[in-house]
Amino acid sequence: MKILLVEDDRLLSAALTKVLEANHYAIDLAHDGQVGLDLATTVDYDLILLDLQIPKLDGISLCRQLRSQGYQKPILLLTADDSDTVAVAGFDAGADDYISKPCAPEVLLARMRTLLRRSGAI
């Protein structure tokens, strides 16, 4: 499974990459929204893990732009702000699910498996 991780926090992205690779996912990493958009539109990913607060193009705008272009793969938002307002904005932008940071790796992996199963990737 090929995953795009769009996260600007270098320590968190390194930790997530380590967890995901240990679970046999191939990871591409983008530290800002513009690079995330470029990768998502040129590489075939099974799932996108997308932080909301990233430079150049925020996660909500990136999600909305991908969906407006017909992007169908699952998008799982990562957010430090777990308010209802942020959740609604994410879902309205086209996200399939969200998870609050910090999160237990087991919960993240379970949500990823659920989305991948629904999309037919596994």
C-alpha atoms as a PDB file:
ATOM      1  CA  MET A   1       0.000   0.000   0.000  1.00  0.00           C
ATOM      2  CA  LYS A   2       1.292   3.431  -0.960  1.00  0.00           C
ATOM      3  CA  ILE A   3       0.537   6.302   1.432  1.00  0.00           C
ATOM      4  CA  LEU A   4       1.079  10.038   1.045  1.00  0.00           C
ATOM      5  CA  LEU A   5       1.780  11.740   4.371  1.00  0.00           C
ATOM      6  CA  VAL A   6       1.374  15.523   4.270  1.00  0.00           C
ATOM      7  CA  GLU A   7       2.729  16.789   7.604  1.00  0.00           C
ATOM      8  CA  ASP A   8       5.006  19.756   8.339  1.00  0.00           C
ATOM      9  CA  ASP A   9       6.068  18.686  11.841  1.00  0.00           C
ATOM     10  CA  ARG A  10       9.340  16.901  11.121  1.00  0.00           C
ATOM     11  CA  LEU A  11       9.439  14.943  14.381  1.00  0.00           C
ATOM     12  CA  LEU A  12       5.859  13.741  14.005  1.00  0.00           C
ATOM     13  CA  SER A  13       6.301  12.874  10.338  1.00  0.00           C
ATOM     14  CA  ALA A  14       9.435  10.863  11.185  1.00  0.00           C
ATOM     15  CA  ALA A  15       7.572   8.977  13.931  1.00  0.00           C
ATOM     16  CA  LEU A  16       4.562   8.321  11.683  1.00  0.00           C
ATOM     17  CA  THR A  17       6.796   7.180   8.846  1.00  0.00           C
ATOM     18  CA  LYS A  18       8.537   4.729  11.164  1.00  0.00           C
ATOM     19  CA  VAL A  19       5.207   3.284  12.381  1.00  0.00           C
ATOM     20  CA  LEU A  20       3.769   3.050   8.885  1.00  0.00           C
ATOM     21  CA  GLU A  21       6.861   1.460   7.357  1.00  0.00           C
ATOM     22  CA  ALA A  22       6.962  -1.060  10.222  1.00  0.00           C
ATOM     23  CA  ASN A  23       3.443  -2.026   9.122  1.00  0.00           C
ATOM     24  CA  HIS A  24       4.523  -2.510   5.500  1.00  0.00           C
ATOM     25  CA  TYR A  25       3.236   0.748   4.027  1.00  0.00           C
ATOM     26  CA  ALA A  26       5.317   2.617   1.446  1.00  0.00           C
ATOM     27  CA  ILE A  27       5.411   6.304   2.385  1.00  0.00           C
ATOM     28  CA  ASP A  28       5.949   9.486   0.427  1.00  0.00           C
ATOM     29  CA  LEU A  29       6.268  12.614   2.540  1.00  0.00           C
ATOM     30  CA  ALA A  30       5.318  16.202   1.793  1.00  0.00           C
ATOM     31  CA  HIS A  31       6.021  19.000   4.266  1.00  0.00           C
ATOM     32  CA  ASP A  32       3.633  21.511   2.692  1.00  0.00           C
ATOM     33  CA  GLY A  33       0.312  21.525   0.906  1.00  0.00           C
ATOM     34  CA  GLN A  34       1.621  22.484  -2.514  1.00  0.00           C
ATOM     35  CA  VAL A  35       4.042  19.546  -2.619  1.00  0.00           C
ATOM     36  CA  GLY A  36       1.218  17.348  -1.309  1.00  0.00           C
ATOM     37  CA  LEU A  37      -1.041  18.480  -4.145  1.00  0.00           C
ATOM     38  CA  ASP A  38       1.674  17.910  -6.740  1.00  0.00           C
ATOM     39  CA  LEU A  39       2.368  14.393  -5.450  1.00  0.00           C
ATOM     40  CA  ALA A  40      -1.302  13.458  -5.070  1.00  0.00           C
ATOM     41  CA  THR A  41      -2.040  14.429  -8.657  1.00  0.00           C
ATOM     42  CA  THR A  42       0.963  12.658 -10.184  1.00  0.00           C
ATOM     43  CA  VAL A  43       1.415   9.490  -8.086  1.00  0.00           C
ATOM     44  CA  ASP A  44      -1.174   6.765  -7.454  1.00  0.00           C
ATOM     45  CA  TYR A  45      -1.661   6.552  -3.683  1.00  0.00           C
ATOM     46  CA  ASP A  46      -3.964   4.220  -1.797  1.00  0.00           C
ATOM     47  CA  LEU A  47      -4.584   6.780   0.971  1.00  0.00           C
ATOM     48  CA  ILE A  48      -3.577  10.304   1.986  1.00  0.00           C
ATOM     49  CA  LEU A  49      -2.815  11.248   5.597  1.00  0.00           C
ATOM     50  CA  LEU A  50      -3.270  15.003   5.654  1.00  0.00           C
ATOM     51  CA  ASP A  51      -2.456  17.461   8.417  1.00  0.00           C
ATOM     52  CA  LEU A  52      -4.778  20.458   8.493  1.00  0.00           C
ATOM     53  CA  GLN A  53      -2.272  23.132   9.462  1.00  0.00           C
ATOM     54  CA  ILE A  54       0.447  22.979   6.840  1.00  0.00           C
ATOM     55  CA  PRO A  55       2.213  25.765   4.939  1.00  0.00           C
ATOM     56  CA  LYS A  56       1.497  26.993   1.407  1.00  0.00           C
ATOM     57  CA  LEU A  57      -1.873  25.250   1.047  1.00  0.00           C
ATOM     58  CA  ASP A  58      -3.748  24.262   4.209  1.00  0.00           C
ATOM     59  CA  GLY A  59      -5.212  20.781   4.577  1.00  0.00           C
ATOM     60  CA  ILE A  60      -8.853  21.820   4.109  1.00  0.00           C
ATOM     61  CA  SER A  61      -8.038  23.671   0.880  1.00  0.00           C
ATOM     62  CA  LEU A  62      -5.893  20.784  -0.365  1.00  0.00           C
ATOM     63  CA  CYS A  63      -8.644  18.263   0.365  1.00  0.00           C
ATOM     64  CA  ARG A  64     -11.266  20.456  -1.327  1.00  0.00           C
ATOM     65  CA  GLN A  65      -9.063  20.964  -4.380  1.00  0.00           C
ATOM     66  CA  LEU A  66      -8.354  17.239  -4.766  1.00  0.00           C
ATOM     67  CA  ARG A  67     -12.048  16.354  -4.507  1.00  0.00           C
ATOM     68  CA  SER A  68     -12.986  19.082  -7.020  1.00  0.00           C
ATOM     69  CA  GLN A  69     -10.559  17.413  -9.447  1.00  0.00           C
ATOM     70  CA  GLY A  70     -12.320  14.069  -9.003  1.00  0.00           C
ATOM     71  CA  TYR A  71      -9.789  12.502  -6.615  1.00  0.00           C
ATOM     72  CA  GLN A  72     -11.459   9.373  -5.206  1.00  0.00           C
ATOM     73  CA  LYS A  73      -8.869   7.818  -2.861  1.00  0.00           C
ATOM     74  CA  PRO A  74      -9.419   8.004   0.911  1.00  0.00           C
ATOM     75  CA  ILE A  75      -8.237  11.100   2.766  1.00  0.00           C
ATOM     76  CA  LEU A  76      -7.684  10.860   6.526  1.00  0.00           C
ATOM     77  CA  LEU A  77      -7.166  14.209   8.237  1.00  0.00           C
ATOM     78  CA  LEU A  78      -4.743  14.664  11.108  1.00  0.00           C
ATOM     79  CA  THR A  79      -5.620  17.572  13.388  1.00  0.00           C
ATOM     80  CA  ALA A  80      -4.483  19.031  16.673  1.00  0.00           C
ATOM     81  CA  ASP A  81      -7.856  20.829  16.867  1.00  0.00           C
ATOM     82  CA  ASP A  82     -10.596  18.280  17.473  1.00  0.00           C
ATOM     83  CA  SER A  83     -13.438  20.792  17.646  1.00  0.00           C
ATOM     84  CA  ASP A  84     -16.739  20.072  15.950  1.00  0.00           C
ATOM     85  CA  THR A  85     -16.187  23.064  13.655  1.00  0.00           C
ATOM     86  CA  VAL A  86     -12.943  21.617  12.318  1.00  0.00           C
ATOM     87  CA  ALA A  87     -14.472  18.161  11.903  1.00  0.00           C
ATOM     88  CA  VAL A  88     -17.404  19.570   9.931  1.00  0.00           C
ATOM     89  CA  ALA A  89     -15.085  21.682   7.758  1.00  0.00           C
ATOM     90  CA  GLY A  90     -12.970  18.613   7.006  1.00  0.00           C
ATOM     91  CA  PHE A  91     -15.926  16.434   6.089  1.00  0.00           C
ATOM     92  CA  ASP A  92     -17.460  19.215   3.991  1.00  0.00           C
ATOM     93  CA  ALA A  93     -14.132  19.540   2.135  1.00  0.00           C
ATOM     94  CA  GLY A  94     -14.324  15.833   1.248  1.00  0.00           C
ATOM     95  CA  ALA A  95     -12.324  14.063   3.947  1.00  0.00           C
ATOM     96  CA  ASP A  96     -13.330  10.490   4.702  1.00  0.00           C
ATOM     97  CA  ASP A  97     -12.325  10.584   8.366  1.00  0.00           C
ATOM     98  CA  TYR A  98     -10.195  12.493  10.824  1.00  0.00           C
ATOM     99  CA  ILE A  99      -8.099  11.699  13.845  1.00  0.00           C
ATOM    100  CA  SER A 100      -6.869  14.019  16.581  1.00  0.00           C
ATOM    101  CA  LYS A 101      -3.177  14.392  17.295  1.00  0.00           C
ATOM    102  CA  PRO A 102      -1.568  12.987  19.276  1.00  0.00           C
ATOM    103  CA  CYS A 103      -3.072   9.589  18.640  1.00  0.00           C
ATOM    104  CA  ALA A 104      -2.218   6.036  19.475  1.00  0.00           C
ATOM    105  CA  PRO A 105      -0.541   4.319  16.502  1.00  0.00           C
ATOM    106  CA  GLU A 106      -2.967   1.395  16.817  1.00  0.00           C
ATOM    107  CA  VAL A 107      -5.956   3.719  16.370  1.00  0.00           C
ATOM    108  CA  LEU A 108      -4.402   5.422  13.345  1.00  0.00           C
ATOM    109  CA  LEU A 109      -3.613   2.066  11.739  1.00  0.00           C
ATOM    110  CA  ALA A 110      -7.132   0.767  12.425  1.00  0.00           C
ATOM    111  CA  ARG A 111      -8.728   3.835  10.828  1.00  0.00           C
ATOM    112  CA  MET A 112      -6.428   3.503   7.844  1.00  0.00           C
ATOM    113  CA  ARG A 113      -7.351  -0.169   7.423  1.00  0.00           C
ATOM    114  CA  THR A 114     -11.041   0.736   7.572  1.00  0.00           C
ATOM    115  CA  LEU A 115     -10.696   3.360   4.854  1.00  0.00           C
ATOM    116  CA  LEU A 116      -8.530   1.112   2.696  1.00  0.00           C
ATOM    117  CA  ARG A 117     -11.047  -1.708   3.054  1.00  0.00           C
ATOM    118  CA  ARG A 118     -13.943   0.592   2.069  1.00  0.00           C
ATOM    119  CA  SER A 119     -12.040   1.844  -0.955  1.00  0.00           C
ATOM    120  CA  GLY A 120     -11.324  -1.718  -2.105  1.00  0.00           C
ATOM    121  CA  ALA A 121      -7.561  -1.333  -1.720  1.00  0.00           C
ATOM    122  CA  ILE A 122      -7.483  -4.302   0.705  1.00  0.00           C
END
